[in-house]
Amino acid sequence: MKVTVIVHPNSKKPRVEKDLLGTLNVYVSAPPLEGKANKATIEALADYFQTSKSQVKLISGAKSKHKIFENMII
């Protein structure tokens, strides 16, 4: 299942929120440097979907706020 995500790095309160269009807004406290925000986003999505981190893959948008992730539920 592919999920559209908007990442908000350097947030004071990390959380995952769903907007009216079905897009997930992920707020992470990690800075957007050296992939730290991407790793924190993967951890947040794994918690949100109650799956392991290895089953959440970044498909596109590695250097953008707008990202597409795939949840590999078997």
C-alpha atoms as a PDB file:
ATOM      1  CA  MET A   1       0.000   0.000   0.000  1.00  0.00           C
ATOM      2  CA  LYS A   2       1.412   3.400  -1.026  1.00  0.00           C
ATOM      3  CA  VAL A   3       1.023   6.345   1.328  1.00  0.00           C
ATOM      4  CA  THR A   4       1.505  10.039   0.535  1.00  0.00           C
ATOM      5  CA  VAL A   5       3.271  11.835   3.369  1.00  0.00           C
ATOM      6  CA  ILE A   6       4.207  15.428   4.136  1.00  0.00           C
ATOM      7  CA  VAL A   7       7.112  15.569   6.581  1.00  0.00           C
ATOM      8  CA  HIS A   8       7.576  18.436   9.030  1.00  0.00           C
ATOM      9  CA  PRO A   9      11.119  18.200  10.483  1.00  0.00           C
ATOM     10  CA  ASN A  10      12.322  19.961  13.654  1.00  0.00           C
ATOM     11  CA  SER A  11       8.910  19.728  15.304  1.00  0.00           C
ATOM     12  CA  LYS A  12       8.587  20.130  19.041  1.00  0.00           C
ATOM     13  CA  LYS A  13       5.876  17.492  19.369  1.00  0.00           C
ATOM     14  CA  PRO A  14       6.391  14.399  17.143  1.00  0.00           C
ATOM     15  CA  ARG A  15       3.095  12.995  15.869  1.00  0.00           C
ATOM     16  CA  VAL A  16       1.235  11.604  12.846  1.00  0.00           C
ATOM     17  CA  GLU A  17      -1.962  13.295  11.669  1.00  0.00           C
ATOM     18  CA  LYS A  18      -4.260  12.506   8.760  1.00  0.00           C
ATOM     19  CA  ASP A  19      -5.822  15.422   6.858  1.00  0.00           C
ATOM     20  CA  LEU A  20      -9.147  15.534   5.003  1.00  0.00           C
ATOM     21  CA  LEU A  21      -7.570  14.446   1.698  1.00  0.00           C
ATOM     22  CA  GLY A  22      -6.055  11.307   3.200  1.00  0.00           C
ATOM     23  CA  THR A  23      -2.492  12.619   3.277  1.00  0.00           C
ATOM     24  CA  LEU A  24      -0.492  11.851   6.394  1.00  0.00           C
ATOM     25  CA  ASN A  25       1.333  14.755   8.030  1.00  0.00           C
ATOM     26  CA  VAL A  26       4.286  13.398   9.985  1.00  0.00           C
ATOM     27  CA  TYR A  27       5.911  15.725  12.501  1.00  0.00           C
ATOM     28  CA  VAL A  28       9.389  14.572  13.574  1.00  0.00           C
ATOM     29  CA  SER A  29      11.905  16.185  15.895  1.00  0.00           C
ATOM     30  CA  ALA A  30      14.893  15.165  13.739  1.00  0.00           C
ATOM     31  CA  PRO A  31      16.579  17.765  11.503  1.00  0.00           C
ATOM     32  CA  PRO A  32      16.431  17.387   7.711  1.00  0.00           C
ATOM     33  CA  LEU A  33      20.139  16.593   7.474  1.00  0.00           C
ATOM     34  CA  GLU A  34      21.851  13.402   6.296  1.00  0.00           C
ATOM     35  CA  GLY A  35      18.580  11.465   6.130  1.00  0.00           C
ATOM     36  CA  LYS A  36      17.819  11.809   9.841  1.00  0.00           C
ATOM     37  CA  ALA A  37      14.283  13.090   9.200  1.00  0.00           C
ATOM     38  CA  ASN A  38      13.658  10.235   6.743  1.00  0.00           C
ATOM     39  CA  LYS A  39      14.710   7.654   9.338  1.00  0.00           C
ATOM     40  CA  ALA A  40      12.538   9.288  11.988  1.00  0.00           C
ATOM     41  CA  THR A  41       9.619   9.315   9.546  1.00  0.00           C
ATOM     42  CA  ILE A  42      10.048   5.596   8.856  1.00  0.00           C
ATOM     43  CA  GLU A  43      10.012   4.919  12.610  1.00  0.00           C
ATOM     44  CA  ALA A  44       6.885   7.065  13.075  1.00  0.00           C
ATOM     45  CA  LEU A  45       5.064   5.348  10.203  1.00  0.00           C
ATOM     46  CA  ALA A  46       6.033   1.903  11.510  1.00  0.00           C
ATOM     47  CA  ASP A  47       4.503   2.820  14.871  1.00  0.00           C
ATOM     48  CA  TYR A  48       1.418   4.313  13.200  1.00  0.00           C
ATOM     49  CA  PHE A  49       0.786   1.196  11.077  1.00  0.00           C
ATOM     50  CA  GLN A  50       1.928  -1.141  13.876  1.00  0.00           C
ATOM     51  CA  THR A  51       4.523  -2.895  11.745  1.00  0.00           C
ATOM     52  CA  SER A  52       8.298  -3.222  11.718  1.00  0.00           C
ATOM     53  CA  LYS A  53      10.584  -0.517  10.341  1.00  0.00           C
ATOM     54  CA  SER A  54      11.919  -2.895   7.689  1.00  0.00           C
ATOM     55  CA  GLN A  55       8.486  -3.099   6.083  1.00  0.00           C
ATOM     56  CA  VAL A  56       8.221   0.666   5.468  1.00  0.00           C
ATOM     57  CA  LYS A  57      10.086   1.805   2.330  1.00  0.00           C
ATOM     58  CA  LEU A  58      10.708   5.273   0.950  1.00  0.00           C
ATOM     59  CA  ILE A  59       9.663   5.202  -2.724  1.00  0.00           C
ATOM     60  CA  SER A  60      10.165   8.838  -3.776  1.00  0.00           C
ATOM     61  CA  GLY A  61      10.916  12.262  -2.326  1.00  0.00           C
ATOM     62  CA  ALA A  62      14.109  11.607  -0.378  1.00  0.00           C
ATOM     63  CA  LYS A  63      15.026  15.318  -0.459  1.00  0.00           C
ATOM     64  CA  SER A  64      11.518  16.759  -0.421  1.00  0.00           C
ATOM     65  CA  LYS A  65       8.830  17.383   2.191  1.00  0.00           C
ATOM     66  CA  HIS A  66       6.352  15.503  -0.001  1.00  0.00           C
ATOM     67  CA  LYS A  67       7.227  11.810   0.069  1.00  0.00           C
ATOM     68  CA  ILE A  68       5.694   8.520  -0.969  1.00  0.00           C
ATOM     69  CA  PHE A  69       6.179   5.507   1.263  1.00  0.00           C
ATOM     70  CA  GLU A  70       5.201   1.908   0.719  1.00  0.00           C
ATOM     71  CA  ASN A  71       4.054  -0.306   3.550  1.00  0.00           C
ATOM     72  CA  MET A  72       5.035  -3.889   2.729  1.00  0.00           C
ATOM     73  CA  ILE A  73       2.404  -5.795   4.687  1.00  0.00           C
ATOM     74  CA  ILE A  74       2.711  -9.504   4.014  1.00  0.00           C
END
